[in-house]
Protein backbone atom coordinates (compact mmCIF):
# COMPACT_ATOMS: atom_id res chain seq x y z
CA MET A 1 -9.56 25.90 6.97
CA GLN A 2 -8.60 23.87 9.77
CA GLU A 3 -6.04 21.12 8.68
CA ASN A 4 -6.44 17.83 10.50
CA CYS A 5 -10.14 18.75 11.36
CA LEU A 6 -13.33 16.68 10.58
CA SER A 7 -16.47 18.92 10.38
CA ILE A 8 -19.48 16.65 11.22
CA ILE A 9 -22.59 18.32 9.68
CA ILE A 10 -26.07 17.50 11.58
CA PRO A 11 -29.30 18.43 9.69
CA VAL A 12 -31.92 18.36 12.26
CA TYR A 13 -35.78 18.64 12.14
CA ASN A 14 -38.09 17.55 14.89
CA GLU A 15 -35.46 15.59 16.76
CA GLU A 16 -35.95 16.68 20.51
CA LYS A 17 -36.16 13.30 21.64
CA THR A 18 -32.71 11.78 20.11
CA ILE A 19 -30.53 14.94 19.52
CA HIS A 20 -28.64 14.54 22.72
CA LEU A 21 -28.23 10.84 22.26
CA ILE A 22 -26.63 11.25 19.05
CA LEU A 23 -24.42 14.16 20.43
CA ASN A 24 -23.43 11.68 23.33
CA ARG A 25 -22.37 8.91 21.04
CA ILE A 26 -20.45 11.42 18.84
CA LYS A 27 -18.60 12.87 21.84
CA LYS A 28 -17.41 9.47 22.79
CA VAL A 29 -15.74 8.98 19.25
CA GLN A 30 -12.00 8.77 19.43
CA ILE A 31 -11.12 9.97 15.91
CA ILE A 32 -8.16 8.32 14.14
CA GLY A 33 -5.13 9.91 12.52
CA GLY A 34 -4.82 12.67 15.06
CA LEU A 35 -7.90 14.51 13.63
CA THR A 36 -10.01 16.96 15.81
CA MET A 37 -13.75 17.33 15.07
CA GLU A 38 -16.20 20.19 14.92
CA LEU A 39 -20.11 19.79 15.07
CA ILE A 40 -22.07 21.88 12.51
CA ILE A 41 -25.74 21.61 13.74
CA VAL A 42 -28.51 23.30 11.42
CA ASN A 43 -31.91 23.23 12.69
CA ASP A 44 -34.16 23.39 9.89
CA CYS A 45 -37.16 25.21 11.71
CA SER A 46 -38.28 22.27 14.01
CA LYS A 47 -41.60 22.74 15.46
CA ASP A 48 -40.99 21.12 18.39
CA ARG A 49 -38.12 21.79 21.39
CA THR A 50 -35.11 20.64 19.28
CA ALA A 51 -33.58 24.25 19.49
CA ASP A 52 -33.83 24.25 23.31
CA ALA A 53 -32.57 20.54 23.47
CA ILE A 54 -29.37 21.63 21.57
CA ARG A 55 -28.75 24.80 23.64
CA THR A 56 -29.14 22.94 26.66
CA TYR A 57 -26.59 20.22 25.56
CA MET A 58 -24.18 23.16 24.49
CA LEU A 59 -24.13 24.63 27.71
CA GLU A 60 -23.68 21.39 29.64
CA ASN A 61 -20.93 20.21 27.04
CA PRO A 62 -18.55 23.28 26.61
CA ASP A 63 -15.55 21.02 25.89
CA LEU A 64 -17.52 19.89 22.69
CA SER A 65 -16.75 22.13 19.60
CA ILE A 66 -20.51 23.10 18.25
CA GLN A 67 -21.35 25.59 15.92
CA PHE A 68 -25.39 26.11 15.84
CA PHE A 69 -27.36 27.49 13.25
CA GLU A 70 -31.13 27.93 12.52
CA HIS A 71 -33.33 28.34 9.61
CA ASP A 72 -36.11 30.77 9.91
CA VAL A 73 -38.49 28.84 7.68
CA ASN A 74 -38.40 24.93 6.78
CA LYS A 75 -36.48 24.46 3.76
CA GLY A 76 -35.60 20.82 3.70
CA LYS A 77 -32.61 18.59 4.41
CA GLY A 78 -30.54 19.79 1.50
CA ALA A 79 -30.72 23.30 2.36
CA ALA A 80 -29.67 22.39 5.94
CA LEU A 81 -26.82 20.66 4.47
CA HIS A 82 -25.89 23.56 2.16
CA THR A 83 -25.73 25.91 5.29
CA GLY A 84 -23.60 23.34 7.23
CA ILE A 85 -21.26 22.87 4.28
CA GLN A 86 -20.73 26.76 3.92
CA LYS A 87 -20.11 27.09 7.68
CA ALA A 88 -17.82 23.90 8.04
CA SER A 89 -14.02 24.70 8.59
CA GLY A 90 -12.64 21.42 8.73
CA GLU A 91 -10.29 19.69 6.13
CA TRP A 92 -12.96 16.91 5.96
CA ILE A 93 -16.62 16.82 6.14
CA ILE A 94 -18.94 13.95 6.90
CA ILE A 95 -22.65 13.92 7.18
CA GLN A 96 -24.61 12.70 10.12
CA ASP A 97 -28.36 12.37 10.33
CA ALA A 98 -29.48 13.53 14.09
CA ASP A 99 -31.66 10.20 14.34
CA LEU A 100 -30.16 7.05 15.52
CA GLU A 101 -29.77 5.04 12.43
CA TYR A 102 -26.26 5.39 11.79
CA ASP A 103 -23.44 4.79 14.41
CA PRO A 104 -20.76 7.72 14.95
CA ARG A 105 -18.44 4.86 16.20
CA GLU A 106 -17.89 3.99 12.35
CA TYR A 107 -16.40 7.75 11.27
CA ASN A 108 -13.01 5.88 11.65
CA ILE A 109 -14.15 3.18 9.31
CA LEU A 110 -14.77 5.92 6.48
CA LEU A 111 -11.72 7.74 7.67
CA LYS A 112 -9.33 5.04 7.14
CA PRO A 113 -8.96 5.24 3.43
CA VAL A 114 -8.30 9.09 3.39
CA ILE A 115 -6.03 8.79 6.38
CA GLU A 116 -4.00 6.26 4.00
CA GLY A 117 -4.01 8.78 1.19
CA ASN A 118 -6.02 6.57 -1.11
CA ALA A 119 -9.47 8.58 -1.21
CA ASP A 120 -10.73 11.82 -1.65
CA ILE A 121 -14.41 10.72 -1.03
CA VAL A 122 -15.84 7.71 0.92
CA TYR A 123 -19.40 6.44 0.91
CA GLY A 124 -20.66 4.08 3.66
CA THR A 125 -22.80 1.36 2.33
CA ARG A 126 -25.27 -0.43 4.16
CA PHE A 127 -25.48 -3.38 1.64
CA PHE A 128 -22.27 -5.02 2.42
CA GLY A 129 -19.76 -5.59 5.33
CA GLY A 130 -20.06 -7.66 8.63
CA ASN A 131 -21.80 -4.93 10.45
CA PRO A 132 -25.48 -5.23 11.89
CA HIS A 133 -28.44 -4.03 9.88
CA ARG A 134 -31.75 -4.02 11.15
CA ILE A 135 -34.30 -5.84 8.83
CA LEU A 136 -37.12 -3.83 7.60
CA PHE A 137 -38.95 -3.25 4.23
CA PHE A 138 -38.45 -5.35 1.21
CA TRP A 139 -39.75 -2.72 -1.16
CA HIS A 140 -37.79 0.02 0.56
CA SER A 141 -34.50 -2.07 0.12
CA ILE A 142 -35.56 -2.55 -3.70
CA GLY A 143 -36.11 1.10 -4.13
CA ASN A 144 -32.72 1.92 -2.75
CA LYS A 145 -31.02 -0.54 -5.02
CA PHE A 146 -32.95 0.72 -8.15
CA LEU A 147 -32.02 4.25 -7.35
CA THR A 148 -28.08 3.23 -6.96
CA PHE A 149 -28.59 1.08 -10.36
CA LEU A 150 -30.27 3.99 -12.15
CA SER A 151 -27.47 6.57 -10.69
CA ASN A 152 -24.61 4.31 -11.63
CA MET A 153 -25.86 3.75 -15.34
CA PHE A 154 -25.33 7.49 -15.80
CA THR A 155 -22.26 8.29 -13.55
CA ASP A 156 -20.36 5.04 -14.56
CA LEU A 157 -19.64 4.35 -11.02
CA ASN A 158 -20.13 1.02 -9.27
CA LEU A 159 -21.53 2.20 -5.95
CA SER A 160 -23.83 -0.06 -3.98
CA ASP A 161 -25.45 2.49 -1.74
CA MET A 162 -25.90 6.05 -3.52
CA GLU A 163 -28.69 7.22 -0.90
CA THR A 164 -26.50 6.35 2.22
CA CYS A 165 -26.26 9.26 4.85
CA TYR A 166 -22.74 8.47 5.70
CA LYS A 167 -20.51 10.29 3.12
CA LEU A 168 -17.22 11.57 3.92
CA PHE A 169 -15.69 14.38 1.52
CA ARG A 170 -12.61 16.30 1.15
CA ALA A 171 -13.95 19.76 2.05
CA ASP A 172 -12.51 21.69 -0.89
CA ILE A 173 -14.05 19.34 -3.10
CA LEU A 174 -17.50 19.54 -1.64
CA LYS A 175 -17.41 23.30 -1.02
CA GLY A 176 -16.64 23.90 -4.82
CA LEU A 177 -19.93 22.06 -6.20
CA PRO A 178 -22.79 24.26 -7.03
CA LEU A 179 -25.24 22.24 -5.16
CA GLN A 180 -29.04 23.15 -5.87
CA GLU A 181 -31.34 20.54 -4.14
CA LYS A 182 -33.08 21.56 -1.06
CA ARG A 183 -34.82 18.53 0.08
CA PHE A 184 -34.03 14.79 -0.28
CA GLY A 185 -32.46 15.30 -3.83
CA PHE A 186 -29.11 15.98 -2.39
CA GLU A 187 -27.76 12.43 -2.61
CA PRO A 188 -28.19 11.80 -6.46
CA GLU A 189 -27.21 15.42 -7.11
CA VAL A 190 -23.80 15.36 -4.89
CA THR A 191 -23.22 11.84 -6.52
CA ALA A 192 -23.85 12.89 -10.23
CA ARG A 193 -21.72 16.16 -9.64
CA ILE A 194 -18.47 14.37 -8.02
CA ALA A 195 -18.84 11.51 -10.62
CA ARG A 196 -17.78 14.29 -13.15
CA ILE A 197 -14.57 15.46 -11.42
CA PRO A 198 -11.37 14.32 -13.26
CA ASN A 199 -9.49 11.91 -11.22
CA ILE A 200 -11.74 11.68 -8.35
CA ARG A 201 -11.00 8.80 -5.71
CA ILE A 202 -14.26 7.47 -4.57
CA TYR A 203 -14.21 4.58 -2.11
CA GLU A 204 -17.06 2.55 -0.38
CA VAL A 205 -16.79 0.79 3.22
CA GLY A 206 -19.26 -1.24 5.00
CA ILE A 207 -21.18 0.31 7.71
CA SER A 208 -24.17 -0.99 10.14
CA TYR A 209 -27.58 0.65 9.88
CA TYR A 210 -30.35 0.70 12.65
CA GLY A 211 -33.37 1.77 10.69
CA ARG A 212 -36.20 3.57 11.59
CA THR A 213 -39.94 2.81 10.53
CA PRO A 214 -42.35 5.90 9.90
CA ALA A 215 -44.00 5.09 13.45
CA GLU A 216 -40.52 5.74 14.96
CA GLY A 217 -39.95 9.05 13.02
CA LYS A 218 -38.66 7.98 9.48
CA LYS A 219 -39.31 11.03 7.58
CA ILE A 220 -38.41 9.97 3.87
CA GLY A 221 -41.54 8.30 1.97
CA TRP A 222 -42.26 7.30 -1.95
CA LYS A 223 -42.55 10.76 -3.15
CA ASP A 224 -39.06 11.44 -2.21
CA GLY A 225 -38.13 8.36 -4.28
CA PHE A 226 -39.90 9.92 -7.44
CA ARG A 227 -37.94 13.05 -6.59
CA ALA A 228 -34.57 11.01 -6.55
CA ILE A 229 -35.38 9.55 -9.82
CA TYR A 230 -36.04 12.97 -11.25
CA CYS A 231 -32.65 14.55 -9.69
CA ILE A 232 -30.78 11.38 -11.15
CA LEU A 233 -32.07 12.48 -14.58
CA LYS A 234 -31.78 16.23 -14.09
CA TYR A 235 -28.08 16.47 -13.01
CA ASN A 236 -26.63 13.52 -15.02
CA ILE A 237 -28.21 14.57 -18.34
CA PHE A 238 -29.70 18.14 -18.33
CA LYS A 239 -27.70 19.92 -15.75
CA ARG A 240 -24.23 18.50 -16.74
């Protein structure tokens, strides 16, 4: 494991048009605390030219530490994260979607509590703080808040945004979890599992959010919401 290194795990699926943009944004980030960064990109068998776009970017940016892995079949976001977690070598791990909904400049907001020695895990919440949030769908926000509320009931945490992409973990903790969910059930499963770790220090910080609509490429839907409910019950009651 590389000390003082942040591993950024990027699961990708059909992100040919945005992958270079998010990588450019990450490249510009100056990480606090003297940390270096490595990028772990996992292509979940995209049907477009995402893989070609990533290989081209790697050739054009040899100064950026990138490891690129591919699934032979589409397995889901959770499975891509499992691969990334296994391959990551940094002391800290953060999850970054390949779209443009989350701002890499805010890594340092999540890192501050761990750099100061106060936290083992930090969640970035879209529901408080003074950063910009795109105004989108009322029922989508209600669904997110309901899932967080339901999760909190069982975990006894007081999170405001369980479903957030931006989660920062101490790598040894995350690698030690027996994660199973291969699609969008990753968020409730990982939350249920970390909540049971004795003396775990979990913090939450406000982040911005530039949400996409389905027409703009948003992939999560109402079926994933029902799966999240199932996972909350499964990993808090039946898989303890």
